[in-house]
Structure formats: structure tokens, C-alpha cells
Amino acid sequence: MRENDFFVIKAEEQGVNVIGLTRGDTTRFHHSEKLDEGEIMIAQFTEHTSAVKVRGKATIQTSHGEIKTEGS
């Protein structure tokens, strides 16, 4: 995935956590969002964000395809 690629996260249950992780020598949490069921978040990787952790039941769509989490 290129740095400017967008990805979509759709919450399939209440309280899905989306956590951004930093780039650099040590990986750290730097941003967190909580999505309600049915909410959609459109995001992208940046110079500060190297990874995203999704906790809860959600569908993630990227330029590489779609994946569903199994939930908490």
C-alpha cells in the first residue's frame, strides 16, 4: 500500500476501536477512534502513521481487497 492510498473501515458492531501506530525506531500508539455500528472511517497512511490496528467486528477495504475481522 502506498503512503497516499486510502482505506475504509466499516464498524459491524458497536464500539470498534481503530488505533494508529507511529513510524520510527519504536512503534507507539498515536491516535485512537471508536466507531459505532454502521459508521465508516476513511483513512490513509502518512509520514507519521505506519500501521493501523482494528479491534472489534469490522470490514476493511483497501486497494488490495476487502477483509473482515472476527470481532473481539
C-alpha atoms as a PDB file:
ATOM      1  CA  MET A   1       0.000   0.000   0.000  1.00  0.00           C
ATOM      2  CA  ARG A   2       1.418   3.382  -0.971  1.00  0.00           C
ATOM      3  CA  GLU A   3       1.566   6.177   1.592  1.00  0.00           C
ATOM      4  CA  ASN A   4      -1.245   8.135  -0.093  1.00  0.00           C
ATOM      5  CA  ASP A   5      -3.613   5.146  -0.519  1.00  0.00           C
ATOM      6  CA  PHE A   6      -6.907   5.437   1.315  1.00  0.00           C
ATOM      7  CA  PHE A   7      -8.601   2.587   3.147  1.00  0.00           C
ATOM      8  CA  VAL A   8     -12.106   2.275   4.543  1.00  0.00           C
ATOM      9  CA  ILE A   9     -13.134   0.749   7.876  1.00  0.00           C
ATOM     10  CA  LYS A  10     -16.809  -0.029   8.466  1.00  0.00           C
ATOM     11  CA  ALA A  11     -17.883  -0.969  12.004  1.00  0.00           C
ATOM     12  CA  GLU A  12     -20.063  -4.085  12.049  1.00  0.00           C
ATOM     13  CA  GLU A  13     -20.735  -3.750  15.791  1.00  0.00           C
ATOM     14  CA  GLN A  14     -20.850  -1.036  18.449  1.00  0.00           C
ATOM     15  CA  GLY A  15     -17.532   0.215  19.822  1.00  0.00           C
ATOM     16  CA  VAL A  16     -14.989  -0.810  17.161  1.00  0.00           C
ATOM     17  CA  ASN A  17     -11.567   0.657  18.043  1.00  0.00           C
ATOM     18  CA  VAL A  18      -9.260   1.976  15.317  1.00  0.00           C
ATOM     19  CA  ILE A  19      -5.740   2.701  16.581  1.00  0.00           C
ATOM     20  CA  GLY A  20      -2.993   4.436  14.585  1.00  0.00           C
ATOM     21  CA  LEU A  21       0.608   3.364  15.177  1.00  0.00           C
ATOM     22  CA  THR A  22       3.674   5.544  14.575  1.00  0.00           C
ATOM     23  CA  ARG A  23       6.657   5.129  12.292  1.00  0.00           C
ATOM     24  CA  GLY A  24      10.224   5.253  13.561  1.00  0.00           C
ATOM     25  CA  ASP A  25      12.612   3.330  15.754  1.00  0.00           C
ATOM     26  CA  THR A  26       9.837   2.388  18.181  1.00  0.00           C
ATOM     27  CA  THR A  27       6.194   1.792  17.317  1.00  0.00           C
ATOM     28  CA  ARG A  28       3.745   3.665  19.545  1.00  0.00           C
ATOM     29  CA  PHE A  29       0.047   4.384  19.632  1.00  0.00           C
ATOM     30  CA  HIS A  30      -0.636   7.930  18.458  1.00  0.00           C
ATOM     31  CA  HIS A  31      -4.341   8.139  17.638  1.00  0.00           C
ATOM     32  CA  SER A  32      -7.491   6.244  18.542  1.00  0.00           C
ATOM     33  CA  GLU A  33     -11.090   6.375  17.311  1.00  0.00           C
ATOM     34  CA  LYS A  34     -14.147   4.456  18.461  1.00  0.00           C
ATOM     35  CA  LEU A  35     -16.756   3.676  15.790  1.00  0.00           C
ATOM     36  CA  ASP A  36     -20.423   2.899  16.363  1.00  0.00           C
ATOM     37  CA  GLU A  37     -22.124   0.139  14.380  1.00  0.00           C
ATOM     38  CA  GLY A  38     -22.547   1.198  10.768  1.00  0.00           C
ATOM     39  CA  GLU A  39     -20.064   4.071  10.999  1.00  0.00           C
ATOM     40  CA  ILE A  40     -17.400   4.348   8.334  1.00  0.00           C
ATOM     41  CA  MET A  41     -13.926   5.811   8.704  1.00  0.00           C
ATOM     42  CA  ILE A  42     -11.859   6.750   5.655  1.00  0.00           C
ATOM     43  CA  ALA A  43      -8.150   6.943   6.480  1.00  0.00           C
ATOM     44  CA  GLN A  44      -4.692   6.812   4.957  1.00  0.00           C
ATOM     45  CA  PHE A  45      -1.126   6.067   5.921  1.00  0.00           C
ATOM     46  CA  THR A  46       1.026   9.175   6.406  1.00  0.00           C
ATOM     47  CA  GLU A  47       4.574  10.139   7.272  1.00  0.00           C
ATOM     48  CA  HIS A  48       3.576   9.600  10.936  1.00  0.00           C
ATOM     49  CA  THR A  49       1.300   6.541  10.625  1.00  0.00           C
ATOM     50  CA  SER A  50       2.800   3.216   9.575  1.00  0.00           C
ATOM     51  CA  ALA A  51       0.119   0.805  10.778  1.00  0.00           C
ATOM     52  CA  VAL A  52      -3.473   0.657  11.972  1.00  0.00           C
ATOM     53  CA  LYS A  53      -4.914  -1.772  14.494  1.00  0.00           C
ATOM     54  CA  VAL A  54      -8.659  -2.560  14.342  1.00  0.00           C
ATOM     55  CA  ARG A  55     -10.272  -4.123  17.416  1.00  0.00           C
ATOM     56  CA  GLY A  56     -13.849  -5.356  17.074  1.00  0.00           C
ATOM     57  CA  LYS A  57     -16.003  -6.651  14.240  1.00  0.00           C
ATOM     58  CA  ALA A  58     -15.364  -4.583  11.105  1.00  0.00           C
ATOM     59  CA  THR A  59     -14.900  -4.675   7.343  1.00  0.00           C
ATOM     60  CA  ILE A  60     -11.729  -3.102   5.946  1.00  0.00           C
ATOM     61  CA  GLN A  61     -11.491  -2.195   2.258  1.00  0.00           C
ATOM     62  CA  THR A  62      -8.150  -1.374   0.633  1.00  0.00           C
ATOM     63  CA  SER A  63      -6.771  -1.215  -2.900  1.00  0.00           C
ATOM     64  CA  HIS A  64      -5.665  -4.814  -2.272  1.00  0.00           C
ATOM     65  CA  GLY A  65      -9.168  -6.092  -1.457  1.00  0.00           C
ATOM     66  CA  GLU A  66     -11.528  -6.495   1.461  1.00  0.00           C
ATOM     67  CA  ILE A  67     -11.078  -8.263   4.780  1.00  0.00           C
ATOM     68  CA  LYS A  68     -13.401  -8.791   7.742  1.00  0.00           C
ATOM     69  CA  THR A  69     -12.222  -9.018  11.308  1.00  0.00           C
ATOM     70  CA  GLU A  70     -13.603 -11.767  13.518  1.00  0.00           C
ATOM     71  CA  GLY A  71     -14.514  -9.392  16.334  1.00  0.00           C
ATOM     72  CA  SER A  72     -13.357  -9.080  19.913  1.00  0.00           C
END
